[in-house]
Amino acid sequence: MTLDARTLEISPARLRSLIDAFAGKRVLVIGDMVADEYLLGRPTRIARNAPILILELDEERTIPGGATNVAVNACTLGADVFLAGVVGDDLPGQKLRKAISDLGMHQDGLITDPQRPTSTKTRILAGSPQLVQQHVVRIDRVDTSEVREPYKGQIIDYIRQALPEMDAVVLSDYENGVISPDIIDACIPLARQLNKIIVVDSHASLFRFQGVTALTPNQPEAELTLNMTITSQEQLNEAGQRLLDGSAARGVLITRGSEGMSLFEAGEAPLHLPIHRLNHTSEIVDTNGAGDTVAATFTLALTAGASMAEAAYLSNAAAALVVRRLGAASNTPAELMSAIQ
């Protein structure tokens, strides 16, 4: 089926009713919790002893990143969100927990390992409120080893306890050690048995996740799993089919940056969506976290009863909104509705 025929079946009224239905959906997000730190300063001069800028610190903030950004996106769209993962007993972990608490998300499944640092990504930006802020450098403090016992067992116990009450589960894998074979084996078979929506957003090794509802990789992640380079639509279609076949998933949504996204669904022709056009013409500012927005929106849409094509359309619109804001951003239902044409 062509793009026009598939999209003609999607009406704005139907999409808005799906967005309304996001409210109160219960979503379990399992994965690598990351504290995104932002240090914003004004450049004042060049250092005497090195050709580097000296910044006077104006603002310092910590926001949820990694799997917690998926959770924030689901939360701001109206879902009731539950987290399962690990943080350290440190200042970034404390700040991350406070941000999660302030948003009203549930963190009973967020386990503290006192020997493991909270995964932290510190971004230093130069500029001022009157100027465009530019990234200067990013510093990552991440332990990628598999979560050890007894903390992994505590996460698994929480997953088994929480899953029956959920509408959907998202596995968000940043390769920081949470999404281990034990976690996958504890989650996916039970979620399938309970007929839950299961969406996987993983940076690598997509075939670890068998029989899920959908995979939402970006193109480089798809290429990495398949050990191929995608340079044509024919190769893209081949990649989508190989991912479907190799994972036994119902659908695969490949995000492609400025080229939009492509949906591959069992029993359907590929659906290639160009980047979503907005009524305003603001520039793309920051693509950081857009994949998390897609995973959360796609999950909630499916949970609300959307077809995969409808879910992809909403996810495309959601991504078009967040890339026009600095940092990992999220959408409200009203903002997403405003983007529907």
Protein backbone atom coordinates (compact mmCIF):
# COMPACT_ATOMS: atom_id res chain seq x y z
CA MET A 1 0.00 0.00 0.00
CA THR A 2 1.35 3.46 -0.85
CA LEU A 3 2.04 6.22 1.65
CA ASP A 4 -0.94 8.25 0.44
CA ALA A 5 -3.39 5.36 0.81
CA ARG A 6 -2.17 4.51 4.30
CA THR A 7 -2.24 8.09 5.54
CA LEU A 8 -5.62 8.88 4.00
CA GLU A 9 -7.08 6.39 6.47
CA ILE A 10 -5.76 8.48 9.38
CA SER A 11 -8.02 11.36 10.42
CA PRO A 12 -7.12 14.22 12.77
CA ALA A 13 -10.24 13.51 14.85
CA ARG A 14 -9.18 9.89 15.31
CA LEU A 15 -5.65 10.94 16.30
CA ARG A 16 -6.95 13.45 18.84
CA SER A 17 -9.22 10.82 20.38
CA LEU A 18 -6.20 8.53 20.74
CA ILE A 19 -4.23 11.30 22.48
CA ASP A 20 -7.16 11.81 24.88
CA ALA A 21 -7.01 8.08 25.65
CA PHE A 22 -3.38 8.33 26.84
CA ALA A 23 -4.59 9.65 30.19
CA GLY A 24 -4.15 7.18 33.03
CA LYS A 25 -2.52 4.39 31.02
CA ARG A 26 -0.13 2.47 33.27
CA VAL A 27 3.33 2.09 31.76
CA LEU A 28 6.31 0.27 33.25
CA VAL A 29 9.67 1.59 32.00
CA ILE A 30 12.61 -0.76 32.60
CA GLY A 31 16.12 0.33 31.74
CA ASP A 32 19.18 2.47 32.27
CA MET A 33 18.37 5.49 34.41
CA VAL A 34 20.58 8.50 33.62
CA ALA A 35 21.01 11.87 35.31
CA ASP A 36 21.46 14.52 32.63
CA GLU A 37 23.37 17.42 34.17
CA TYR A 38 23.48 20.81 32.44
CA LEU A 39 26.03 23.49 33.36
CA LEU A 40 25.26 26.76 31.57
CA GLY A 41 27.72 29.64 31.63
CA ARG A 42 28.53 32.94 29.95
CA PRO A 43 31.85 33.11 28.08
CA THR A 44 33.84 35.95 29.59
CA ARG A 45 37.39 35.65 28.21
CA ILE A 46 40.10 33.33 26.94
CA ALA A 47 42.28 31.65 29.57
CA ARG A 48 45.86 32.93 29.81
CA ASN A 49 47.44 29.48 30.04
CA ALA A 50 45.45 27.70 27.32
CA PRO A 51 43.32 28.57 24.26
CA ILE A 52 40.04 27.79 26.03
CA LEU A 53 36.97 29.78 27.03
CA ILE A 54 36.39 30.72 30.63
CA LEU A 55 32.70 30.47 31.53
CA GLU A 56 30.99 32.10 34.47
CA LEU A 57 28.40 29.60 35.71
CA ASP A 58 24.86 30.96 35.42
CA GLU A 59 22.73 27.87 35.87
CA GLU A 60 23.05 24.24 36.96
CA ARG A 61 20.28 21.70 36.61
CA THR A 62 19.69 17.92 36.56
CA ILE A 63 16.94 16.37 34.47
CA PRO A 64 15.96 12.74 33.88
CA GLY A 65 17.78 11.13 30.95
CA GLY A 66 18.19 7.69 29.42
CA ALA A 67 15.27 5.44 30.32
CA THR A 68 13.96 8.11 32.67
CA ASN A 69 13.52 10.40 29.64
CA VAL A 70 11.27 7.76 28.05
CA ALA A 71 9.34 7.76 31.33
CA VAL A 72 9.10 11.57 31.42
CA ASN A 73 7.73 11.62 27.88
CA ALA A 74 5.04 9.08 28.78
CA CYS A 75 4.27 10.97 31.99
CA THR A 76 3.82 14.39 30.37
CA LEU A 77 1.47 12.79 27.83
CA GLY A 78 -0.77 11.70 30.70
CA ALA A 79 0.38 8.17 31.56
CA ASP A 80 0.83 6.78 35.06
CA VAL A 81 4.50 5.73 34.95
CA PHE A 82 6.40 3.14 36.98
CA LEU A 83 10.20 2.77 36.87
CA ALA A 84 12.46 -0.27 37.28
CA GLY A 85 16.22 0.16 37.28
CA VAL A 86 19.16 1.18 39.45
CA VAL A 87 20.81 4.37 40.71
CA GLY A 88 23.74 5.01 43.01
CA ASP A 89 23.80 6.39 46.53
CA ASP A 90 25.26 9.69 45.37
CA LEU A 91 24.31 13.30 44.65
CA PRO A 92 23.30 12.70 40.99
CA GLY A 93 21.11 9.82 42.15
CA GLN A 94 19.48 12.00 44.78
CA LYS A 95 18.83 14.77 42.25
CA LEU A 96 17.42 12.25 39.77
CA ARG A 97 15.09 10.76 42.38
CA LYS A 98 13.85 14.24 43.30
CA ALA A 99 13.13 15.05 39.66
CA ILE A 100 11.24 11.77 39.30
CA SER A 101 9.29 12.49 42.50
CA ASP A 102 8.45 16.03 41.38
CA LEU A 103 6.86 14.57 38.23
CA GLY A 104 4.76 12.12 40.24
CA MET A 105 6.30 8.98 38.76
CA HIS A 106 6.55 5.79 40.82
CA GLN A 107 10.05 4.71 41.82
CA ASP A 108 9.45 1.68 44.06
CA GLY A 109 11.28 -0.38 41.42
CA LEU A 110 14.22 2.03 41.27
CA ILE A 111 16.82 0.24 43.37
CA THR A 112 19.83 1.91 45.03
CA ASP A 113 23.19 0.16 44.68
CA PRO A 114 25.59 1.99 47.04
CA GLN A 115 28.63 0.59 45.19
CA ARG A 116 27.50 1.71 41.74
CA PRO A 117 27.58 5.35 40.58
CA THR A 118 24.47 6.84 39.04
CA SER A 119 24.94 7.03 35.27
CA THR A 120 25.54 10.73 34.66
CA LYS A 121 26.02 12.77 31.51
CA THR A 122 27.23 16.31 32.15
CA ARG A 123 26.81 18.82 29.34
CA ILE A 124 28.62 22.16 29.51
CA LEU A 125 26.99 24.90 27.43
CA ALA A 126 28.23 28.39 26.64
CA GLY A 127 25.91 31.30 25.97
CA SER A 128 23.35 33.51 27.67
CA PRO A 129 19.57 33.99 27.65
CA GLN A 130 20.08 36.53 24.84
CA LEU A 131 22.33 34.22 22.77
CA VAL A 132 22.09 30.74 21.32
CA GLN A 133 23.61 28.29 23.81
CA GLN A 134 26.24 26.01 22.30
CA HIS A 135 27.49 22.68 23.61
CA VAL A 136 31.16 22.91 24.57
CA VAL A 137 31.79 19.40 25.90
CA ARG A 138 30.01 16.41 27.42
CA ILE A 139 31.41 14.34 30.28
CA ASP A 140 30.02 10.82 30.85
CA ARG A 141 30.32 8.91 34.12
CA VAL A 142 28.81 5.50 33.39
CA ASP A 143 29.32 2.00 34.80
CA THR A 144 28.40 -0.40 31.98
CA SER A 145 28.85 -3.60 34.00
CA GLU A 146 25.79 -5.80 34.54
CA VAL A 147 23.82 -4.93 37.67
CA ARG A 148 24.95 -7.27 40.44
CA GLU A 149 23.02 -9.20 43.04
CA PRO A 150 21.04 -8.71 45.17
CA TYR A 151 19.98 -5.59 43.26
CA LYS A 152 19.22 -7.36 39.98
CA GLY A 153 17.02 -9.83 41.84
CA GLN A 154 15.16 -6.95 43.50
CA ILE A 155 14.47 -5.40 40.09
CA ILE A 156 13.20 -8.74 38.76
CA ASP A 157 10.94 -9.21 41.79
CA TYR A 158 9.46 -5.75 41.22
CA ILE A 159 8.87 -6.44 37.51
CA ARG A 160 7.01 -9.67 38.29
CA GLN A 161 4.91 -7.90 40.91
CA ALA A 162 4.09 -4.85 38.79
CA LEU A 163 3.51 -6.30 35.31
CA PRO A 164 -0.01 -7.69 35.88
CA GLU A 165 -1.26 -4.17 36.67
CA MET A 166 0.38 -2.49 33.66
CA ASP A 167 -1.03 -1.63 30.24
CA ALA A 168 2.40 -1.59 28.59
CA VAL A 169 6.09 -2.12 29.26
CA VAL A 170 9.03 -0.33 27.63
CA LEU A 171 12.54 -1.76 27.75
CA SER A 172 14.95 1.16 27.29
CA ASP A 173 18.48 -0.15 26.77
CA TYR A 174 21.35 2.36 26.76
CA GLU A 175 23.86 -0.47 27.28
CA ASN A 176 24.57 0.66 30.86
CA GLY A 177 24.07 -2.78 32.41
CA VAL A 178 20.41 -2.99 33.40
CA ILE A 179 18.89 -4.84 30.42
CA SER A 180 20.63 -8.16 31.01
CA PRO A 181 19.52 -11.61 29.78
CA ASP A 182 18.01 -12.27 33.23
CA ILE A 183 15.91 -9.10 33.06
CA ILE A 184 14.76 -9.91 29.50
CA ASP A 185 13.85 -13.48 30.47
CA ALA A 186 11.91 -12.27 33.50
CA CYS A 187 10.00 -9.58 31.61
CA ILE A 188 9.14 -10.54 28.04
CA PRO A 189 7.63 -14.04 28.50
CA LEU A 190 5.47 -12.82 31.40
CA ALA A 191 4.39 -9.68 29.54
CA ARG A 192 3.45 -11.78 26.51
CA GLN A 193 1.51 -14.20 28.71
CA LEU A 194 -0.39 -11.24 30.16
CA ASN A 195 -1.03 -9.75 26.65
CA LYS A 196 0.77 -6.49 27.43
CA ILE A 197 2.11 -4.05 24.85
CA ILE A 198 5.90 -4.55 24.80
CA VAL A 199 8.07 -1.91 23.12
CA VAL A 200 11.86 -2.15 22.97
CA ASP A 201 14.14 0.86 22.42
CA SER A 202 17.64 -0.62 22.40
CA HIS A 203 20.98 0.71 21.17
CA ALA A 204 22.25 -2.69 20.05
CA SER A 205 21.63 -6.44 19.66
CA LEU A 206 17.95 -6.15 18.80
CA PHE A 207 17.52 -9.89 18.29
CA ARG A 208 17.84 -10.42 22.06
CA PHE A 209 14.21 -9.31 22.26
CA GLN A 210 11.96 -12.02 20.82
CA GLY A 211 8.22 -11.80 20.23
CA VAL A 212 7.72 -8.21 21.38
CA THR A 213 5.06 -5.85 20.07
CA ALA A 214 7.53 -3.45 18.46
CA LEU A 215 11.14 -2.37 18.18
CA THR A 216 11.94 1.35 17.76
CA PRO A 217 15.61 1.61 16.73
CA ASN A 218 17.18 4.49 14.88
CA GLN A 219 18.87 3.70 11.57
CA PRO A 220 22.43 3.32 12.96
CA GLU A 221 21.12 0.92 15.62
CA ALA A 222 19.34 -1.14 12.96
CA GLU A 223 22.50 -1.17 10.84
CA LEU A 224 24.59 -2.31 13.82
CA THR A 225 22.31 -5.26 14.58
CA LEU A 226 22.18 -6.32 10.92
CA ASN A 227 25.84 -5.56 10.13
CA MET A 228 24.84 -3.60 7.03
CA THR A 229 24.81 -0.03 5.74
CA ILE A 230 21.52 1.40 4.51
CA THR A 231 21.96 3.73 1.53
CA SER A 232 18.77 3.14 -0.47
CA GLN A 233 15.08 2.50 0.09
CA GLU A 234 15.56 -1.04 -1.18
CA GLN A 235 18.16 -1.68 1.52
CA LEU A 236 15.93 0.02 4.08
CA ASN A 237 13.05 -2.28 3.19
CA GLU A 238 15.36 -5.27 3.39
CA ALA A 239 16.56 -4.15 6.83
CA GLY A 240 13.02 -3.71 8.12
CA GLN A 241 11.99 -7.16 6.96
CA ARG A 242 15.11 -8.77 8.43
CA LEU A 243 14.42 -7.12 11.78
CA LEU A 244 10.82 -8.33 11.70
CA ASP A 245 11.84 -11.87 10.83
CA GLY A 246 14.77 -12.05 13.23
CA SER A 247 12.88 -10.72 16.26
CA ALA A 248 9.39 -12.13 15.56
CA ALA A 249 8.10 -8.66 16.46
CA ARG A 250 4.73 -7.39 15.23
CA GLY A 251 6.31 -4.15 14.09
CA VAL A 252 9.58 -2.28 13.65
CA LEU A 253 9.70 1.54 13.58
CA ILE A 254 13.06 2.82 12.31
CA THR A 255 13.69 6.51 13.01
CA ARG A 256 15.83 8.20 10.35
CA GLY A 257 16.52 11.74 11.55
CA SER A 258 15.89 14.34 8.85
CA GLU A 259 14.53 11.60 6.57
CA GLY A 260 11.60 10.85 8.85
CA MET A 261 10.80 7.30 9.91
CA SER A 262 9.80 3.97 8.39
CA LEU A 263 7.31 1.46 9.75
CA PHE A 264 7.57 -2.24 9.00
CA GLU A 265 4.62 -4.30 10.13
CA ALA A 266 3.99 -8.00 9.75
CA GLY A 267 1.61 -8.56 6.83
CA GLU A 268 1.76 -4.92 5.61
CA ALA A 269 3.78 -3.01 3.02
CA PRO A 270 6.44 -0.65 4.42
CA LEU A 271 5.21 2.80 5.41
CA HIS A 272 7.77 5.59 4.91
CA LEU A 273 6.86 8.84 6.67
CA PRO A 274 8.78 12.02 5.78
CA ILE A 275 9.70 14.34 8.64
CA HIS A 276 6.49 15.80 10.08
CA ARG A 277 5.68 19.35 8.98
CA LEU A 278 4.59 21.82 11.63
CA ASN A 279 2.54 24.96 11.10
CA HIS A 280 5.42 27.09 12.43
CA THR A 281 8.84 27.11 10.82
CA SER A 282 11.20 27.14 13.83
CA GLU A 283 14.59 25.51 13.32
CA ILE A 284 15.73 22.15 14.69
CA VAL A 285 17.67 22.95 17.87
CA ASP A 286 18.59 19.63 19.51
CA THR A 287 17.86 16.03 18.50
CA ASN A 288 18.94 14.69 21.91
CA GLY A 289 16.24 12.43 23.34
CA ALA A 290 14.00 12.40 20.25
CA GLY A 291 14.20 8.60 20.11
CA ASP A 292 12.87 8.44 23.68
CA THR A 293 9.95 10.64 22.65
CA VAL A 294 9.18 8.29 19.77
CA ALA A 295 9.31 5.18 21.98
CA ALA A 296 7.01 6.70 24.60
CA THR A 297 4.50 8.12 22.12
CA PHE A 298 4.41 4.94 20.02
CA THR A 299 3.83 2.85 23.17
CA LEU A 300 1.01 5.03 24.48
CA ALA A 301 -0.68 5.15 21.08
CA LEU A 302 -0.69 1.35 20.82
CA THR A 303 -1.96 1.11 24.38
CA ALA A 304 -4.81 3.48 23.47
CA GLY A 305 -5.85 1.20 20.59
CA ALA A 306 -4.05 2.84 17.67
CA SER A 307 -3.02 0.93 14.58
CA MET A 308 0.72 0.86 14.07
CA ALA A 309 0.38 3.37 11.22
CA GLU A 310 -1.53 5.76 13.51
CA ALA A 311 1.03 5.24 16.27
CA ALA A 312 3.87 5.98 13.84
CA TYR A 313 2.15 9.14 12.61
CA LEU A 314 1.72 10.43 16.18
CA SER A 315 5.32 9.54 17.04
CA ASN A 316 6.55 11.40 13.97
CA ALA A 317 4.64 14.52 15.02
CA ALA A 318 5.91 14.21 18.61
CA ALA A 319 9.52 13.99 17.44
CA ALA A 320 9.11 17.04 15.21
CA LEU A 321 8.08 19.05 18.26
CA VAL A 322 10.84 18.04 20.70
CA VAL A 323 13.78 18.55 18.32
CA ARG A 324 12.92 22.25 18.30
CA ARG A 325 13.80 22.60 22.01
CA LEU A 326 17.14 22.48 23.80
CA GLY A 327 17.91 19.28 25.74
CA ALA A 328 15.79 16.20 26.22
CA ALA A 329 12.25 17.55 25.86
CA SER A 330 8.72 16.14 26.10
CA ASN A 331 5.23 17.02 24.91
CA THR A 332 1.92 17.61 26.60
CA PRO A 333 -1.27 16.22 25.04
CA ALA A 334 -2.26 19.76 24.00
CA GLU A 335 1.06 20.32 22.26
CA LEU A 336 0.82 17.03 20.41
CA MET A 337 -2.75 17.79 19.35
CA SER A 338 -1.62 21.18 18.00
CA ALA A 339 0.84 19.40 15.70
CA ILE A 340 -1.84 17.19 14.13
CA GLN A 341 -2.80 18.40 10.66
